[in-house]
Amino acid sequence: MAVVLLVGAAGFVLPVLIGSGEGDESDSNPGVSASMMPGAVLPEADPGPAPARDLLLTGAAAEMVELRAAVGDGLGKARQLVIYPDRLVAEVEPPTAPGTVERWVVLPGEGPTGPDPLDVPSEQVVAQLFSLSDVDLGRLPAFVASAQVELTAADGLGPLVASHLVVQRDPLGELRVWVHAGSDTWRGVVVLTAGGEVVDVQTGPR
């Protein structure tokens, strides 16, 4: 292999690799070598986006902290929390407007977006609100694991994959956690108390 210096009309000097033998890799890719250019810096490999964090496996306590910071000091009540593997969707009562509810979406690593005001009658909001301190979103993995054990025992078809989890009051006013799971042919819901006690299991074909 040899290096030949080519001088252009403008006086620029470009080093060019010339193959010196049969099978030389430079023969199939002739041209200027970036590593030989004065001051050339080779680009670093792009590591790509960070892997997404599954909230059903890790919990959503960090996302709740971000939500509180976005909504404002005093956020203490919600009408509904829905946790998917890739996001937390919260319907909360803003501290500055009691009796109303707004929706926020929190993506791991990206922070909250919102608010999106919801048109819900004030008396309905008041009846459905619950204190955020009554449910520990750091315990989501335990809720999901318990639900999957219950569903596996109930349907006998093997483990079902959790799709999402809902926290809200039931028609009787009790705060409940619904874990939804399924497979291509089967689905199920496990209802738990905010403390993690199983109160109902429902399964059936899709």
Protein backbone atom coordinates (compact mmCIF):
# COMPACT_ATOMS: atom_id res chain seq x y z
CA MET A 1 0.00 0.00 0.00
CA ALA A 2 1.26 3.51 -0.83
CA VAL A 3 0.16 7.02 -0.05
CA VAL A 4 0.07 9.43 -2.99
CA LEU A 5 -0.35 13.16 -2.42
CA LEU A 6 -2.64 14.77 -4.97
CA VAL A 7 -2.40 18.53 -5.35
CA GLY A 8 -5.58 20.23 -6.49
CA ALA A 9 -5.94 23.44 -8.43
CA ALA A 10 -6.57 25.42 -5.26
CA GLY A 11 -3.39 24.09 -3.70
CA PHE A 12 -5.07 21.60 -1.33
CA VAL A 13 -3.12 18.41 -0.66
CA LEU A 14 -5.17 15.24 -0.28
CA PRO A 15 -3.60 11.94 0.75
CA VAL A 16 -4.97 8.98 -1.21
CA LEU A 17 -4.43 5.31 -0.38
CA ILE A 18 -3.32 3.22 -3.35
CA GLY A 19 -3.56 -0.58 -3.03
CA SER A 20 -0.31 -2.38 -3.47
CA GLY A 21 -1.40 -5.95 -3.95
CA GLU A 22 -4.12 -8.34 -4.88
CA GLY A 23 -6.87 -8.62 -2.27
CA ASP A 24 -5.97 -5.30 -0.61
CA GLU A 25 -9.06 -3.89 1.11
CA SER A 26 -8.22 -0.41 -0.13
CA ASP A 27 -8.75 -1.54 -3.75
CA SER A 28 -12.47 -2.06 -3.12
CA ASN A 29 -12.86 1.26 -1.31
CA PRO A 30 -10.40 3.79 -2.73
CA GLY A 31 -10.36 7.38 -1.60
CA VAL A 32 -9.32 9.64 1.20
CA SER A 33 -8.89 8.09 4.62
CA ALA A 34 -10.63 10.26 7.24
CA SER A 35 -8.09 9.23 9.85
CA MET A 36 -5.30 10.72 7.71
CA MET A 37 -6.86 14.17 7.25
CA PRO A 38 -5.23 16.87 9.38
CA GLY A 39 -7.32 17.43 12.51
CA ALA A 40 -9.88 14.79 11.51
CA VAL A 41 -11.97 13.39 14.37
CA LEU A 42 -13.68 10.05 13.94
CA PRO A 43 -17.33 10.11 15.13
CA GLU A 44 -18.18 8.09 18.21
CA ALA A 45 -20.67 5.28 17.88
CA ASP A 46 -24.24 6.38 18.61
CA PRO A 47 -25.41 4.45 21.71
CA GLY A 48 -29.02 4.96 20.64
CA PRO A 49 -31.95 5.76 22.96
CA ALA A 50 -31.93 4.48 26.51
CA PRO A 51 -34.11 1.39 27.02
CA ALA A 52 -37.61 2.22 28.21
CA ARG A 53 -38.43 1.53 31.84
CA ASP A 54 -41.48 -0.66 32.44
CA LEU A 55 -43.49 1.06 35.18
CA LEU A 56 -45.40 -2.13 35.99
CA LEU A 57 -42.09 -3.78 36.86
CA THR A 58 -40.28 -0.88 38.51
CA GLY A 59 -43.09 1.17 40.06
CA ALA A 60 -44.10 4.75 39.30
CA ALA A 61 -43.03 6.57 42.47
CA ALA A 62 -40.55 8.75 40.54
CA GLU A 63 -43.24 9.71 38.01
CA MET A 64 -45.56 10.72 40.85
CA VAL A 65 -42.85 13.01 42.24
CA GLU A 66 -42.55 14.65 38.81
CA LEU A 67 -46.34 15.01 38.61
CA ARG A 68 -46.52 16.73 41.99
CA ALA A 69 -43.81 19.16 40.90
CA ALA A 70 -45.69 19.95 37.67
CA VAL A 71 -49.17 20.36 39.16
CA GLY A 72 -47.93 22.43 42.09
CA ASP A 73 -47.54 22.32 45.84
CA GLY A 74 -50.56 20.93 47.60
CA LEU A 75 -51.46 18.22 45.08
CA GLY A 76 -52.99 15.57 47.27
CA LYS A 77 -56.01 14.02 45.54
CA ALA A 78 -56.77 12.13 42.35
CA ARG A 79 -59.87 10.77 40.68
CA GLN A 80 -58.09 8.02 38.76
CA LEU A 81 -54.57 6.74 38.09
CA VAL A 82 -53.86 4.45 35.14
CA ILE A 83 -50.38 2.98 34.87
CA TYR A 84 -49.20 1.40 31.62
CA PRO A 85 -45.71 -0.04 31.07
CA ASP A 86 -44.64 3.18 29.34
CA ARG A 87 -46.67 5.95 31.03
CA LEU A 88 -48.69 7.18 33.99
CA VAL A 89 -52.04 8.81 33.21
CA ALA A 90 -53.45 10.75 36.15
CA GLU A 91 -56.75 12.56 36.66
CA VAL A 92 -56.08 14.88 39.57
CA GLU A 93 -57.72 17.73 41.43
CA PRO A 94 -55.54 20.84 40.99
CA PRO A 95 -54.82 22.57 44.31
CA THR A 96 -55.89 25.93 42.86
CA ALA A 97 -59.30 24.69 41.62
CA PRO A 98 -61.00 22.35 44.12
CA GLY A 99 -63.89 20.34 42.72
CA THR A 100 -62.41 20.18 39.22
CA VAL A 101 -60.22 17.55 37.59
CA GLU A 102 -57.50 17.64 34.94
CA ARG A 103 -55.56 14.93 33.13
CA TRP A 104 -51.76 14.66 33.07
CA VAL A 105 -49.54 12.14 31.30
CA VAL A 106 -46.08 11.31 32.65
CA LEU A 107 -43.56 9.45 30.47
CA PRO A 108 -40.48 7.95 32.14
CA GLY A 109 -37.48 10.13 31.42
CA GLU A 110 -39.54 12.81 29.66
CA GLY A 111 -41.62 14.32 32.44
CA PRO A 112 -45.30 15.34 32.63
CA THR A 113 -47.44 16.85 29.88
CA GLY A 114 -50.69 18.66 30.60
CA PRO A 115 -52.98 19.79 31.97
CA ASP A 116 -56.00 18.70 29.97
CA PRO A 117 -59.12 19.93 31.86
CA LEU A 118 -61.95 17.39 32.04
CA ASP A 119 -65.65 18.22 32.06
CA VAL A 120 -66.81 16.29 35.13
CA PRO A 121 -69.60 17.51 37.46
CA SER A 122 -68.20 18.85 40.71
CA GLU A 123 -70.29 16.56 42.92
CA GLN A 124 -69.01 13.54 40.96
CA VAL A 125 -65.43 14.69 41.35
CA VAL A 126 -65.79 15.08 45.10
CA ALA A 127 -67.34 11.61 45.47
CA GLN A 128 -64.61 9.90 43.44
CA LEU A 129 -61.49 11.64 44.78
CA PHE A 130 -58.98 9.74 46.88
CA SER A 131 -55.82 10.77 48.67
CA LEU A 132 -52.60 10.04 46.81
CA SER A 133 -51.06 9.06 50.12
CA ASP A 134 -53.49 6.11 50.28
CA VAL A 135 -51.70 4.20 47.50
CA ASP A 136 -47.98 3.53 47.18
CA LEU A 137 -47.04 3.52 43.48
CA GLY A 138 -43.69 2.06 44.44
CA ARG A 139 -45.60 -1.17 45.17
CA LEU A 140 -46.85 -1.64 41.62
CA PRO A 141 -44.53 -4.62 40.99
CA ALA A 142 -45.96 -6.40 44.04
CA PHE A 143 -49.54 -5.72 42.89
CA VAL A 144 -48.76 -7.07 39.42
CA ALA A 145 -46.94 -10.16 40.72
CA SER A 146 -49.81 -10.99 43.07
CA ALA A 147 -52.36 -10.55 40.28
CA GLN A 148 -50.46 -12.78 37.88
CA VAL A 149 -50.25 -15.56 40.48
CA GLU A 150 -54.02 -15.33 41.04
CA LEU A 151 -54.79 -15.35 37.31
CA THR A 152 -52.51 -18.31 36.63
CA ALA A 153 -54.21 -20.33 39.35
CA ALA A 154 -57.67 -19.32 38.13
CA ASP A 155 -57.40 -20.05 34.43
CA GLY A 156 -54.87 -22.87 34.45
CA LEU A 157 -53.43 -21.72 31.14
CA GLY A 158 -50.14 -20.32 32.39
CA PRO A 159 -49.05 -16.78 33.22
CA LEU A 160 -50.81 -13.81 31.65
CA VAL A 161 -48.95 -10.61 30.86
CA ALA A 162 -50.07 -7.47 32.71
CA SER A 163 -51.16 -4.68 30.36
CA HIS A 164 -52.14 -1.90 32.76
CA LEU A 165 -53.24 -1.08 36.28
CA VAL A 166 -56.05 1.23 37.44
CA VAL A 167 -56.45 2.94 40.82
CA GLN A 168 -59.85 4.47 41.62
CA ARG A 169 -62.89 4.11 43.86
CA ASP A 170 -65.40 1.35 43.09
CA PRO A 171 -69.17 2.00 42.95
CA LEU A 172 -69.36 1.50 46.71
CA GLY A 173 -66.73 4.15 47.33
CA GLU A 174 -63.92 1.75 48.28
CA LEU A 175 -60.46 2.51 46.90
CA ARG A 176 -59.40 -0.38 44.69
CA VAL A 177 -56.55 -1.41 42.38
CA TRP A 178 -57.47 -3.25 39.16
CA VAL A 179 -54.69 -5.20 37.44
CA HIS A 180 -55.53 -6.11 33.83
CA ALA A 181 -53.62 -8.94 32.15
CA GLY A 182 -54.01 -11.30 29.24
CA SER A 183 -52.66 -13.36 26.39
CA ASP A 184 -53.65 -13.78 22.75
CA THR A 185 -56.68 -15.86 23.73
CA TRP A 186 -57.32 -15.18 27.42
CA ARG A 187 -57.80 -12.16 29.67
CA GLY A 188 -58.30 -11.46 33.33
CA VAL A 189 -58.69 -8.78 35.97
CA VAL A 190 -57.63 -8.95 39.60
CA VAL A 191 -59.08 -6.45 42.07
CA LEU A 192 -57.02 -5.58 45.14
CA THR A 193 -57.29 -3.22 48.06
CA ALA A 194 -54.84 -0.31 48.25
CA GLY A 195 -52.92 -2.46 50.72
CA GLY A 196 -52.55 -5.34 48.24
CA GLU A 197 -55.21 -7.78 49.47
CA VAL A 198 -56.98 -9.65 46.65
CA VAL A 199 -60.76 -9.17 46.76
CA ASP A 200 -61.86 -10.44 43.32
CA VAL A 201 -60.53 -12.40 40.32
CA GLN A 202 -62.24 -12.44 36.92
CA THR A 203 -61.06 -14.40 33.87
CA GLY A 204 -62.45 -15.39 30.51
CA PRO A 205 -61.67 -15.86 26.81
CA ARG A 206 -61.12 -12.84 24.61
